[in-house]
Amino acid sequence: MSGEEARRLAEVRVGENESFESALRRFNKKIQQSGILAEARRREHYEKPSVKRKRKEAKKRKVTRE
């Protein structure tokens, strides 16, 4: 994700005859695909650099194994 893309907020325009529920579903899908929700959960609590490094290494091992 580029820097500009990361700063951009998810936006969903509601159609005239569209229900709130369907607009909400589209919004939720959009934020999941953009990774906003995952990043917010990841930044919810401080993560020590050593823990970050271990998580990054584990992810790297997992990718190379597949």
N, C-alpha and C. Protein backbone atom coordinates (compact mmCIF):
# COMPACT_ATOMS: atom_id res chain seq x y z
N MET A 1 0.84 -1.17 0.00
CA MET A 1 0.00 0.00 0.00
C MET A 1 0.89 1.24 0.00
N SER A 2 0.66 2.17 -0.90
CA SER A 2 1.47 3.37 -0.98
C SER A 2 1.08 4.34 0.13
N GLY A 3 1.91 5.35 0.36
CA GLY A 3 1.66 6.32 1.41
C GLY A 3 0.36 7.07 1.22
N GLU A 4 0.10 7.47 -0.02
CA GLU A 4 -1.12 8.22 -0.31
C GLU A 4 -2.35 7.35 -0.09
N GLU A 5 -2.26 6.10 -0.47
CA GLU A 5 -3.37 5.17 -0.33
C GLU A 5 -3.68 4.91 1.15
N ALA A 6 -2.64 4.89 1.98
CA ALA A 6 -2.81 4.61 3.40
C ALA A 6 -3.53 5.76 4.11
N ARG A 7 -3.32 6.97 3.67
CA ARG A 7 -3.94 8.12 4.31
C ARG A 7 -5.38 8.33 3.86
N ARG A 8 -5.77 7.73 2.75
CA ARG A 8 -7.10 7.93 2.19
C ARG A 8 -8.13 7.16 3.01
N LEU A 9 -9.23 7.81 3.30
CA LEU A 9 -10.29 7.17 4.08
C LEU A 9 -11.21 6.38 3.16
N ALA A 10 -11.80 5.35 3.71
CA ALA A 10 -12.76 4.55 2.93
C ALA A 10 -14.04 5.35 2.80
N GLU A 11 -14.59 5.37 1.61
CA GLU A 11 -15.80 6.14 1.37
C GLU A 11 -16.78 5.31 0.57
N VAL A 12 -18.04 5.35 0.98
CA VAL A 12 -19.10 4.65 0.27
C VAL A 12 -20.25 5.62 0.08
N ARG A 13 -20.67 5.80 -1.14
CA ARG A 13 -21.82 6.68 -1.42
C ARG A 13 -23.08 5.83 -1.46
N VAL A 14 -24.08 6.27 -0.71
CA VAL A 14 -25.32 5.52 -0.61
C VAL A 14 -26.24 5.94 -1.76
N GLY A 15 -26.73 4.94 -2.49
CA GLY A 15 -27.64 5.21 -3.60
C GLY A 15 -29.01 5.64 -3.11
N GLU A 16 -29.81 6.19 -3.99
CA GLU A 16 -31.15 6.69 -3.63
C GLU A 16 -32.02 5.61 -3.02
N ASN A 17 -32.10 4.47 -3.67
CA ASN A 17 -32.99 3.40 -3.19
C ASN A 17 -32.24 2.30 -2.45
N GLU A 18 -31.03 2.61 -1.98
CA GLU A 18 -30.21 1.59 -1.30
C GLU A 18 -30.49 1.62 0.20
N SER A 19 -30.59 0.47 0.80
CA SER A 19 -30.83 0.41 2.24
C SER A 19 -29.54 0.69 3.00
N PHE A 20 -29.70 1.10 4.23
CA PHE A 20 -28.55 1.38 5.08
C PHE A 20 -27.71 0.12 5.28
N GLU A 21 -28.37 -1.03 5.45
CA GLU A 21 -27.67 -2.28 5.70
C GLU A 21 -26.76 -2.67 4.54
N SER A 22 -27.25 -2.49 3.31
CA SER A 22 -26.41 -2.85 2.16
C SER A 22 -25.23 -1.89 2.02
N ALA A 23 -25.45 -0.62 2.33
CA ALA A 23 -24.35 0.36 2.29
C ALA A 23 -23.32 0.02 3.36
N LEU A 24 -23.79 -0.38 4.53
CA LEU A 24 -22.88 -0.76 5.61
C LEU A 24 -22.07 -1.99 5.25
N ARG A 25 -22.71 -2.96 4.60
CA ARG A 25 -21.98 -4.16 4.15
C ARG A 25 -20.89 -3.79 3.15
N ARG A 26 -21.22 -2.89 2.21
CA ARG A 26 -20.22 -2.45 1.22
C ARG A 26 -19.07 -1.73 1.90
N PHE A 27 -19.39 -0.90 2.90
CA PHE A 27 -18.37 -0.17 3.64
C PHE A 27 -17.45 -1.13 4.39
N ASN A 28 -18.04 -2.09 5.09
CA ASN A 28 -17.24 -3.07 5.83
C ASN A 28 -16.32 -3.85 4.90
N LYS A 29 -16.84 -4.24 3.75
CA LYS A 29 -16.04 -4.98 2.78
C LYS A 29 -14.88 -4.12 2.29
N LYS A 30 -15.15 -2.84 2.06
CA LYS A 30 -14.13 -1.93 1.55
C LYS A 30 -13.00 -1.72 2.57
N ILE A 31 -13.35 -1.54 3.84
CA ILE A 31 -12.29 -1.33 4.84
C ILE A 31 -11.50 -2.61 5.09
N GLN A 32 -12.15 -3.76 4.94
CA GLN A 32 -11.41 -5.02 5.08
C GLN A 32 -10.42 -5.19 3.94
N GLN A 33 -10.84 -4.90 2.72
CA GLN A 33 -9.97 -5.06 1.56
C GLN A 33 -8.81 -4.07 1.60
N SER A 34 -9.05 -2.87 2.12
CA SER A 34 -7.99 -1.87 2.15
C SER A 34 -7.02 -2.10 3.31
N GLY A 35 -7.40 -2.93 4.28
CA GLY A 35 -6.51 -3.25 5.39
C GLY A 35 -6.57 -2.24 6.52
N ILE A 36 -7.51 -1.33 6.49
CA ILE A 36 -7.63 -0.30 7.53
C ILE A 36 -7.93 -0.94 8.88
N LEU A 37 -8.87 -1.87 8.89
CA LEU A 37 -9.28 -2.51 10.14
C LEU A 37 -8.14 -3.32 10.75
N ALA A 38 -7.43 -4.06 9.92
CA ALA A 38 -6.31 -4.87 10.42
C ALA A 38 -5.22 -3.98 11.01
N GLU A 39 -4.95 -2.86 10.34
CA GLU A 39 -3.92 -1.95 10.84
C GLU A 39 -4.36 -1.30 12.15
N ALA A 40 -5.62 -0.95 12.26
CA ALA A 40 -6.13 -0.35 13.50
C ALA A 40 -6.01 -1.34 14.65
N ARG A 41 -6.32 -2.60 14.39
CA ARG A 41 -6.19 -3.62 15.45
C ARG A 41 -4.73 -3.82 15.83
N ARG A 42 -3.85 -3.77 14.83
CA ARG A 42 -2.43 -3.98 15.08
C ARG A 42 -1.85 -2.83 15.91
N ARG A 43 -2.35 -1.62 15.70
CA ARG A 43 -1.84 -0.45 16.41
C ARG A 43 -2.59 -0.16 17.71
N GLU A 44 -3.53 -1.00 18.06
CA GLU A 44 -4.34 -0.77 19.25
C GLU A 44 -3.48 -0.69 20.52
N HIS A 45 -2.46 -1.54 20.59
CA HIS A 45 -1.56 -1.56 21.74
C HIS A 45 -0.13 -1.46 21.25
N TYR A 46 0.74 -0.92 22.10
CA TYR A 46 2.14 -0.79 21.74
C TYR A 46 2.77 -2.17 21.61
N GLU A 47 3.58 -2.32 20.59
CA GLU A 47 4.27 -3.58 20.37
C GLU A 47 5.78 -3.32 20.46
N LYS A 48 6.44 -4.02 21.36
CA LYS A 48 7.88 -3.82 21.53
C LYS A 48 8.61 -4.20 20.24
N PRO A 49 9.73 -3.53 19.97
CA PRO A 49 10.49 -3.84 18.75
C PRO A 49 10.88 -5.32 18.65
N SER A 50 11.21 -5.95 19.78
CA SER A 50 11.59 -7.37 19.73
C SER A 50 10.41 -8.24 19.32
N VAL A 51 9.22 -7.90 19.76
CA VAL A 51 8.01 -8.66 19.40
C VAL A 51 7.70 -8.43 17.93
N LYS A 52 7.85 -7.19 17.47
CA LYS A 52 7.64 -6.88 16.06
C LYS A 52 8.56 -7.70 15.18
N ARG A 53 9.83 -7.76 15.59
CA ARG A 53 10.84 -8.49 14.82
C ARG A 53 10.50 -9.97 14.76
N LYS A 54 10.10 -10.53 15.89
CA LYS A 54 9.73 -11.96 15.93
C LYS A 54 8.52 -12.25 15.05
N ARG A 55 7.53 -11.37 15.09
CA ARG A 55 6.33 -11.54 14.27
C ARG A 55 6.68 -11.46 12.80
N LYS A 56 7.56 -10.52 12.45
CA LYS A 56 7.98 -10.34 11.06
C LYS A 56 8.75 -11.57 10.56
N GLU A 57 9.63 -12.10 11.40
CA GLU A 57 10.41 -13.29 11.02
C GLU A 57 9.50 -14.50 10.86
N ALA A 58 8.52 -14.64 11.74
CA ALA A 58 7.59 -15.77 11.64
C ALA A 58 6.77 -15.67 10.35
N LYS A 59 6.37 -14.46 10.00
CA LYS A 59 5.62 -14.26 8.76
C LYS A 59 6.49 -14.62 7.55
N LYS A 60 7.75 -14.24 7.60
CA LYS A 60 8.68 -14.52 6.52
C LYS A 60 8.87 -16.04 6.37
N ARG A 61 9.02 -16.74 7.50
CA ARG A 61 9.17 -18.20 7.46
C ARG A 61 7.92 -18.86 6.88
N LYS A 62 6.76 -18.35 7.26
CA LYS A 62 5.50 -18.91 6.78
C LYS A 62 5.37 -18.74 5.27
N VAL A 63 5.76 -17.59 4.75
CA VAL A 63 5.67 -17.31 3.31
C VAL A 63 6.63 -18.20 2.54
N THR A 64 7.84 -18.37 3.03
CA THR A 64 8.82 -19.19 2.32
C THR A 64 8.44 -20.67 2.35
N ARG A 65 7.73 -21.10 3.39
CA ARG A 65 7.33 -22.49 3.52
C ARG A 65 6.23 -22.85 2.52
N GLU A 66 5.39 -21.89 2.17
CA GLU A 66 4.26 -22.17 1.27
C GLU A 66 4.66 -22.34 -0.15
